[in-house]
N, C-alpha and C. Protein backbone atom coordinates (compact mmCIF):
# COMPACT_ATOMS: atom_id res chain seq x y z
N MET A 1 -7.02 2.43 -17.30
CA MET A 1 -6.45 1.16 -16.91
C MET A 1 -7.38 0.47 -15.93
N VAL A 2 -7.33 -0.83 -15.97
CA VAL A 2 -8.05 -1.63 -15.00
C VAL A 2 -7.17 -2.80 -14.62
N ALA A 3 -7.25 -3.23 -13.37
CA ALA A 3 -6.45 -4.35 -12.90
C ALA A 3 -7.38 -5.47 -12.46
N ALA A 4 -6.93 -6.70 -12.68
CA ALA A 4 -7.72 -7.87 -12.28
C ALA A 4 -6.77 -9.02 -12.00
N GLY A 5 -7.26 -10.02 -11.31
CA GLY A 5 -6.44 -11.20 -11.06
C GLY A 5 -6.92 -11.96 -9.85
N TYR A 6 -6.61 -13.24 -9.81
CA TYR A 6 -6.96 -14.09 -8.69
C TYR A 6 -5.72 -14.33 -7.84
N THR A 7 -4.65 -14.82 -8.45
CA THR A 7 -3.36 -14.93 -7.77
C THR A 7 -2.26 -14.22 -8.54
N GLN A 8 -2.52 -13.86 -9.82
CA GLN A 8 -1.53 -13.12 -10.60
C GLN A 8 -2.16 -11.84 -11.14
N PRO A 9 -1.84 -10.69 -10.53
CA PRO A 9 -2.44 -9.43 -10.97
C PRO A 9 -2.03 -9.07 -12.39
N THR A 10 -2.96 -8.53 -13.14
CA THR A 10 -2.72 -8.10 -14.51
C THR A 10 -3.42 -6.77 -14.73
N VAL A 11 -2.74 -5.85 -15.42
CA VAL A 11 -3.29 -4.54 -15.73
C VAL A 11 -3.63 -4.51 -17.22
N TRP A 12 -4.84 -4.01 -17.54
CA TRP A 12 -5.34 -3.97 -18.91
C TRP A 12 -5.63 -2.53 -19.32
N ASP A 13 -5.45 -2.22 -20.57
CA ASP A 13 -5.87 -0.95 -21.14
C ASP A 13 -7.32 -1.13 -21.56
N VAL A 14 -8.22 -0.39 -20.92
CA VAL A 14 -9.65 -0.58 -21.17
C VAL A 14 -10.01 -0.21 -22.61
N ALA A 15 -9.45 0.87 -23.12
CA ALA A 15 -9.81 1.35 -24.46
C ALA A 15 -9.44 0.35 -25.55
N SER A 16 -8.24 -0.23 -25.46
CA SER A 16 -7.79 -1.14 -26.52
C SER A 16 -8.04 -2.60 -26.20
N GLY A 17 -8.24 -2.90 -24.91
CA GLY A 17 -8.42 -4.29 -24.51
C GLY A 17 -7.11 -5.06 -24.41
N SER A 18 -5.98 -4.37 -24.53
CA SER A 18 -4.69 -5.06 -24.49
C SER A 18 -4.13 -5.11 -23.08
N ARG A 19 -3.36 -6.16 -22.85
CA ARG A 19 -2.72 -6.33 -21.55
C ARG A 19 -1.50 -5.41 -21.49
N ILE A 20 -1.41 -4.62 -20.42
CA ILE A 20 -0.28 -3.71 -20.24
C ILE A 20 0.84 -4.41 -19.48
N ALA A 21 0.49 -5.10 -18.40
CA ALA A 21 1.52 -5.71 -17.56
C ALA A 21 0.93 -6.82 -16.71
N SER A 22 1.75 -7.80 -16.42
CA SER A 22 1.42 -8.83 -15.44
C SER A 22 2.43 -8.70 -14.30
N TYR A 23 1.99 -9.01 -13.11
CA TYR A 23 2.82 -8.89 -11.93
C TYR A 23 3.11 -10.27 -11.37
N PRO A 24 4.12 -10.38 -10.51
CA PRO A 24 4.45 -11.70 -9.93
C PRO A 24 3.25 -12.30 -9.22
N ARG A 25 3.18 -13.62 -9.30
CA ARG A 25 2.12 -14.33 -8.57
C ARG A 25 2.22 -13.99 -7.10
N GLN A 26 1.08 -13.86 -6.46
CA GLN A 26 1.01 -13.53 -5.05
C GLN A 26 0.87 -14.80 -4.23
N PRO A 27 0.92 -14.66 -2.90
CA PRO A 27 0.76 -15.85 -2.05
C PRO A 27 -0.46 -16.66 -2.46
N ALA A 28 -0.47 -17.91 -2.09
CA ALA A 28 -1.52 -18.83 -2.52
C ALA A 28 -2.92 -18.36 -2.17
N ASN A 29 -3.04 -17.47 -1.22
CA ASN A 29 -4.36 -16.97 -0.85
C ASN A 29 -4.92 -16.08 -1.94
N GLU A 30 -6.21 -16.05 -2.03
CA GLU A 30 -6.91 -15.25 -3.02
C GLU A 30 -6.67 -13.76 -2.79
N ILE A 31 -6.49 -13.03 -3.88
CA ILE A 31 -6.38 -11.58 -3.82
C ILE A 31 -7.78 -11.03 -3.61
N GLY A 32 -7.92 -10.12 -2.64
CA GLY A 32 -9.23 -9.56 -2.34
C GLY A 32 -9.65 -8.47 -3.31
N ASP A 33 -8.75 -7.55 -3.63
CA ASP A 33 -9.07 -6.44 -4.52
C ASP A 33 -7.78 -5.92 -5.14
N ILE A 34 -7.90 -5.30 -6.30
CA ILE A 34 -6.77 -4.70 -7.00
C ILE A 34 -7.24 -3.36 -7.53
N GLU A 35 -6.44 -2.32 -7.32
CA GLU A 35 -6.76 -0.99 -7.83
C GLU A 35 -5.49 -0.29 -8.29
N VAL A 36 -5.57 0.41 -9.40
CA VAL A 36 -4.47 1.23 -9.91
C VAL A 36 -4.71 2.66 -9.44
N SER A 37 -3.65 3.33 -8.99
CA SER A 37 -3.78 4.71 -8.53
C SER A 37 -4.23 5.61 -9.67
N PRO A 38 -4.84 6.75 -9.36
CA PRO A 38 -5.36 7.64 -10.41
C PRO A 38 -4.30 8.08 -11.44
N ASP A 39 -3.05 8.24 -11.01
CA ASP A 39 -2.01 8.64 -11.95
C ASP A 39 -1.34 7.45 -12.63
N GLY A 40 -1.77 6.24 -12.28
CA GLY A 40 -1.24 5.03 -12.91
C GLY A 40 0.12 4.60 -12.41
N SER A 41 0.65 5.23 -11.38
CA SER A 41 2.01 4.92 -10.92
C SER A 41 2.09 3.77 -9.93
N THR A 42 0.96 3.44 -9.30
CA THR A 42 0.97 2.43 -8.24
C THR A 42 -0.19 1.46 -8.39
N LEU A 43 0.12 0.19 -8.22
CA LEU A 43 -0.90 -0.86 -8.17
C LEU A 43 -1.00 -1.29 -6.72
N ALA A 44 -2.21 -1.28 -6.18
CA ALA A 44 -2.44 -1.74 -4.81
C ALA A 44 -3.27 -3.01 -4.88
N LEU A 45 -2.93 -3.98 -4.02
CA LEU A 45 -3.74 -5.19 -3.95
C LEU A 45 -3.83 -5.65 -2.51
N THR A 46 -4.93 -6.30 -2.19
CA THR A 46 -5.11 -6.86 -0.85
C THR A 46 -4.97 -8.37 -0.92
N TYR A 47 -4.35 -8.90 0.10
CA TYR A 47 -4.33 -10.34 0.31
C TYR A 47 -4.14 -10.55 1.80
N ASP A 48 -4.77 -11.55 2.32
CA ASP A 48 -4.78 -11.77 3.77
C ASP A 48 -5.15 -10.46 4.47
N ASP A 49 -4.37 -10.09 5.46
CA ASP A 49 -4.66 -8.87 6.22
C ASP A 49 -3.75 -7.71 5.80
N LYS A 50 -3.19 -7.78 4.60
CA LYS A 50 -2.22 -6.79 4.13
C LYS A 50 -2.66 -6.11 2.84
N VAL A 51 -2.06 -4.94 2.61
CA VAL A 51 -2.19 -4.24 1.34
C VAL A 51 -0.78 -4.13 0.78
N ARG A 52 -0.56 -4.62 -0.41
CA ARG A 52 0.77 -4.57 -1.03
C ARG A 52 0.74 -3.56 -2.17
N LEU A 53 1.78 -2.70 -2.22
CA LEU A 53 1.88 -1.68 -3.27
C LEU A 53 3.02 -2.02 -4.22
N PHE A 54 2.75 -1.84 -5.52
CA PHE A 54 3.73 -2.09 -6.57
C PHE A 54 3.96 -0.82 -7.38
N ASP A 55 5.19 -0.59 -7.80
CA ASP A 55 5.51 0.48 -8.73
C ASP A 55 5.14 -0.04 -10.12
N THR A 56 4.26 0.65 -10.83
CA THR A 56 3.81 0.13 -12.12
C THR A 56 4.88 0.22 -13.21
N SER A 57 5.88 1.09 -13.04
CA SER A 57 6.93 1.16 -14.07
C SER A 57 7.92 0.01 -13.95
N THR A 58 8.17 -0.47 -12.74
CA THR A 58 9.13 -1.56 -12.54
C THR A 58 8.45 -2.89 -12.24
N ARG A 59 7.17 -2.84 -11.86
CA ARG A 59 6.38 -4.00 -11.43
C ARG A 59 6.92 -4.63 -10.14
N GLU A 60 7.72 -3.87 -9.41
CA GLU A 60 8.31 -4.36 -8.16
C GLU A 60 7.48 -3.87 -6.98
N PRO A 61 7.31 -4.74 -5.95
CA PRO A 61 6.63 -4.28 -4.74
C PRO A 61 7.53 -3.30 -4.00
N PHE A 62 6.94 -2.26 -3.41
CA PHE A 62 7.76 -1.32 -2.66
C PHE A 62 7.26 -1.06 -1.25
N LEU A 63 6.06 -1.54 -0.93
CA LEU A 63 5.55 -1.30 0.42
C LEU A 63 4.44 -2.29 0.74
N VAL A 64 4.46 -2.79 1.97
CA VAL A 64 3.37 -3.62 2.48
C VAL A 64 2.75 -2.88 3.66
N LEU A 65 1.46 -2.62 3.57
CA LEU A 65 0.72 -1.94 4.64
C LEU A 65 0.06 -2.99 5.51
N ARG A 66 0.41 -2.98 6.78
CA ARG A 66 -0.15 -3.94 7.73
C ARG A 66 -1.01 -3.19 8.73
N GLY A 67 -2.06 -3.79 9.20
CA GLY A 67 -2.89 -3.14 10.19
C GLY A 67 -4.23 -3.82 10.41
N HIS A 68 -4.75 -4.47 9.37
CA HIS A 68 -6.00 -5.19 9.54
C HIS A 68 -5.74 -6.46 10.34
N THR A 69 -6.76 -6.93 11.03
CA THR A 69 -6.63 -8.17 11.81
C THR A 69 -7.32 -9.34 11.13
N CYS A 70 -7.88 -9.10 9.95
CA CYS A 70 -8.56 -10.14 9.19
C CYS A 70 -8.38 -9.83 7.71
N ALA A 71 -8.87 -10.70 6.87
CA ALA A 71 -8.65 -10.55 5.42
C ALA A 71 -9.19 -9.23 4.89
N ALA A 72 -8.31 -8.48 4.25
CA ALA A 72 -8.70 -7.21 3.63
C ALA A 72 -9.34 -7.51 2.28
N GLY A 73 -10.38 -6.77 1.94
CA GLY A 73 -11.08 -7.06 0.70
C GLY A 73 -11.16 -5.90 -0.26
N GLY A 74 -11.62 -4.75 0.19
CA GLY A 74 -11.87 -3.64 -0.72
C GLY A 74 -10.80 -2.57 -0.67
N LEU A 75 -10.57 -1.90 -1.81
CA LEU A 75 -9.63 -0.79 -1.91
C LEU A 75 -10.27 0.37 -2.64
N ALA A 76 -9.86 1.58 -2.30
CA ALA A 76 -10.30 2.76 -3.05
C ALA A 76 -9.26 3.85 -2.89
N TRP A 77 -8.83 4.44 -4.01
CA TRP A 77 -7.90 5.57 -4.00
C TRP A 77 -8.69 6.87 -3.92
N SER A 78 -8.13 7.87 -3.27
CA SER A 78 -8.70 9.21 -3.34
C SER A 78 -8.47 9.72 -4.76
N ALA A 79 -9.24 10.71 -5.18
CA ALA A 79 -9.14 11.21 -6.56
C ALA A 79 -7.75 11.71 -6.90
N ASP A 80 -7.03 12.27 -5.92
CA ASP A 80 -5.68 12.78 -6.19
C ASP A 80 -4.59 11.76 -5.89
N GLY A 81 -4.96 10.56 -5.43
CA GLY A 81 -3.99 9.51 -5.16
C GLY A 81 -3.20 9.69 -3.88
N SER A 82 -3.56 10.67 -3.06
CA SER A 82 -2.81 10.91 -1.84
C SER A 82 -3.23 10.00 -0.69
N MET A 83 -4.38 9.35 -0.82
CA MET A 83 -4.89 8.45 0.21
C MET A 83 -5.38 7.16 -0.42
N LEU A 84 -5.23 6.08 0.32
CA LEU A 84 -5.74 4.78 -0.10
C LEU A 84 -6.54 4.22 1.06
N ALA A 85 -7.76 3.79 0.81
CA ALA A 85 -8.59 3.19 1.84
C ALA A 85 -8.68 1.69 1.60
N SER A 86 -8.61 0.92 2.68
CA SER A 86 -8.79 -0.53 2.59
C SER A 86 -9.86 -0.94 3.59
N HIS A 87 -10.62 -1.98 3.25
CA HIS A 87 -11.73 -2.43 4.07
C HIS A 87 -11.52 -3.89 4.44
N ALA A 88 -11.87 -4.22 5.67
CA ALA A 88 -11.83 -5.60 6.16
C ALA A 88 -12.89 -5.75 7.23
N CYS A 89 -13.00 -6.94 7.82
CA CYS A 89 -14.02 -7.16 8.84
C CYS A 89 -13.81 -6.29 10.07
N ASP A 90 -12.59 -5.79 10.26
CA ASP A 90 -12.32 -4.94 11.42
C ASP A 90 -12.48 -3.46 11.12
N GLY A 91 -12.99 -3.12 9.95
CA GLY A 91 -13.26 -1.72 9.63
C GLY A 91 -12.48 -1.22 8.42
N ILE A 92 -12.46 0.08 8.28
CA ILE A 92 -11.80 0.73 7.16
C ILE A 92 -10.54 1.43 7.68
N ARG A 93 -9.46 1.28 6.94
CA ARG A 93 -8.23 2.00 7.24
C ARG A 93 -7.96 2.96 6.09
N VAL A 94 -7.53 4.16 6.41
CA VAL A 94 -7.15 5.13 5.39
C VAL A 94 -5.66 5.36 5.53
N TRP A 95 -4.95 5.11 4.44
CA TRP A 95 -3.49 5.19 4.43
C TRP A 95 -3.06 6.46 3.69
N ALA A 96 -2.25 7.29 4.34
CA ALA A 96 -1.68 8.48 3.69
C ALA A 96 -0.50 8.03 2.84
N MET A 97 -0.51 8.38 1.57
CA MET A 97 0.55 7.94 0.66
C MET A 97 1.69 8.94 0.54
N ASP A 98 1.47 10.19 0.95
CA ASP A 98 2.48 11.23 0.82
C ASP A 98 3.33 11.29 2.08
N VAL A 99 4.65 11.23 1.94
CA VAL A 99 5.55 11.23 3.09
C VAL A 99 5.36 12.48 3.94
N ASP A 100 5.18 13.63 3.32
CA ASP A 100 4.98 14.86 4.09
C ASP A 100 3.70 14.77 4.93
N ASP A 101 2.65 14.19 4.38
CA ASP A 101 1.42 13.99 5.15
C ASP A 101 1.67 13.07 6.35
N LEU A 102 2.42 12.00 6.12
CA LEU A 102 2.72 11.06 7.20
C LEU A 102 3.54 11.73 8.30
N LEU A 103 4.52 12.54 7.91
CA LEU A 103 5.33 13.23 8.91
C LEU A 103 4.48 14.20 9.73
N GLU A 104 3.56 14.90 9.08
CA GLU A 104 2.69 15.83 9.80
C GLU A 104 1.78 15.08 10.77
N ILE A 105 1.24 13.95 10.34
CA ILE A 105 0.40 13.13 11.23
C ILE A 105 1.23 12.67 12.43
N ALA A 106 2.45 12.22 12.17
CA ALA A 106 3.32 11.77 13.26
C ALA A 106 3.63 12.91 14.23
N ARG A 107 3.95 14.09 13.70
CA ARG A 107 4.25 15.24 14.56
C ARG A 107 3.07 15.58 15.47
N GLN A 108 1.87 15.42 14.97
CA GLN A 108 0.68 15.77 15.74
C GLN A 108 0.31 14.71 16.78
N ASN A 109 0.72 13.46 16.54
CA ASN A 109 0.21 12.37 17.38
C ASN A 109 1.24 11.61 18.19
N VAL A 110 2.51 11.69 17.83
CA VAL A 110 3.52 10.93 18.56
C VAL A 110 3.97 11.73 19.76
N THR A 111 3.91 11.10 20.92
CA THR A 111 4.25 11.80 22.16
C THR A 111 5.58 11.33 22.75
N ARG A 112 6.33 10.53 22.03
CA ARG A 112 7.62 10.05 22.50
C ARG A 112 8.54 9.84 21.32
N SER A 113 9.83 9.66 21.59
CA SER A 113 10.80 9.38 20.53
C SER A 113 10.68 7.92 20.09
N LEU A 114 11.15 7.64 18.90
CA LEU A 114 11.14 6.27 18.40
C LEU A 114 12.26 5.47 19.05
N THR A 115 12.01 4.18 19.28
CA THR A 115 13.06 3.29 19.75
C THR A 115 13.95 2.92 18.57
N ASP A 116 15.11 2.35 18.83
CA ASP A 116 15.98 1.92 17.72
C ASP A 116 15.28 0.86 16.86
N ALA A 117 14.50 -0.02 17.49
CA ALA A 117 13.76 -1.04 16.72
C ALA A 117 12.75 -0.37 15.79
N GLU A 118 12.07 0.67 16.27
CA GLU A 118 11.11 1.39 15.43
C GLU A 118 11.82 2.15 14.32
N CYS A 119 12.99 2.69 14.61
CA CYS A 119 13.77 3.38 13.56
C CYS A 119 14.16 2.41 12.46
N ARG A 120 14.57 1.20 12.84
CA ARG A 120 14.92 0.19 11.83
C ARG A 120 13.69 -0.19 11.00
N GLN A 121 12.54 -0.38 11.66
CA GLN A 121 11.34 -0.83 10.97
C GLN A 121 10.72 0.26 10.10
N TYR A 122 10.61 1.48 10.62
CA TYR A 122 9.86 2.52 9.92
C TYR A 122 10.71 3.50 9.13
N LEU A 123 11.91 3.79 9.62
CA LEU A 123 12.77 4.76 8.94
C LEU A 123 13.90 4.11 8.16
N HIS A 124 14.08 2.81 8.36
CA HIS A 124 15.11 2.04 7.67
C HIS A 124 16.51 2.55 7.99
N VAL A 125 16.72 2.96 9.24
CA VAL A 125 18.03 3.34 9.75
C VAL A 125 18.29 2.52 11.00
N GLU A 126 19.57 2.25 11.28
CA GLU A 126 19.93 1.40 12.41
C GLU A 126 19.60 2.05 13.75
N HIS A 127 19.91 3.33 13.89
CA HIS A 127 19.65 4.06 15.13
C HIS A 127 19.05 5.40 14.83
N CYS A 128 18.29 5.93 15.76
CA CYS A 128 17.73 7.28 15.62
C CYS A 128 18.66 8.26 16.30
N SER A 129 19.86 8.41 15.76
CA SER A 129 20.82 9.33 16.37
C SER A 129 20.34 10.75 16.15
N GLY A 130 20.56 11.57 17.17
CA GLY A 130 20.18 12.97 17.08
C GLY A 130 18.72 13.23 17.39
N VAL A 131 17.95 12.18 17.65
CA VAL A 131 16.54 12.37 18.01
C VAL A 131 16.44 12.45 19.52
N PRO A 132 15.89 13.52 20.06
CA PRO A 132 15.82 13.65 21.52
C PRO A 132 14.96 12.56 22.15
N ASP A 133 15.35 12.16 23.35
CA ASP A 133 14.57 11.16 24.08
C ASP A 133 13.37 11.76 24.77
């Protein structure tokens, strides 16, 4: 599979040359890069300072990765699809795609409990009940 697009991402079957899927038009800004994960389950694209992920079976967005301070341009998946790298003028970010990997990174690096606002943003729960302060 290969993905391409300027404002409307499209995935093509390289062997047959046929279009597999088109995705919703993105913001008016130019898409910097589009990559399909090695297992074909996720389409990643950059626009502005964000990386947006789509489920290829539903064509629905499921996650927006924020962190760059300028327009993101390049993307690359690890061979096993567990990591996604994005490049922008402020450097390269490597995103862990596996929840267990993310939890392990958090356990090693977080030195305080999450606030209720962080629980709403990152864990999608109203309060972090039962989490020690």
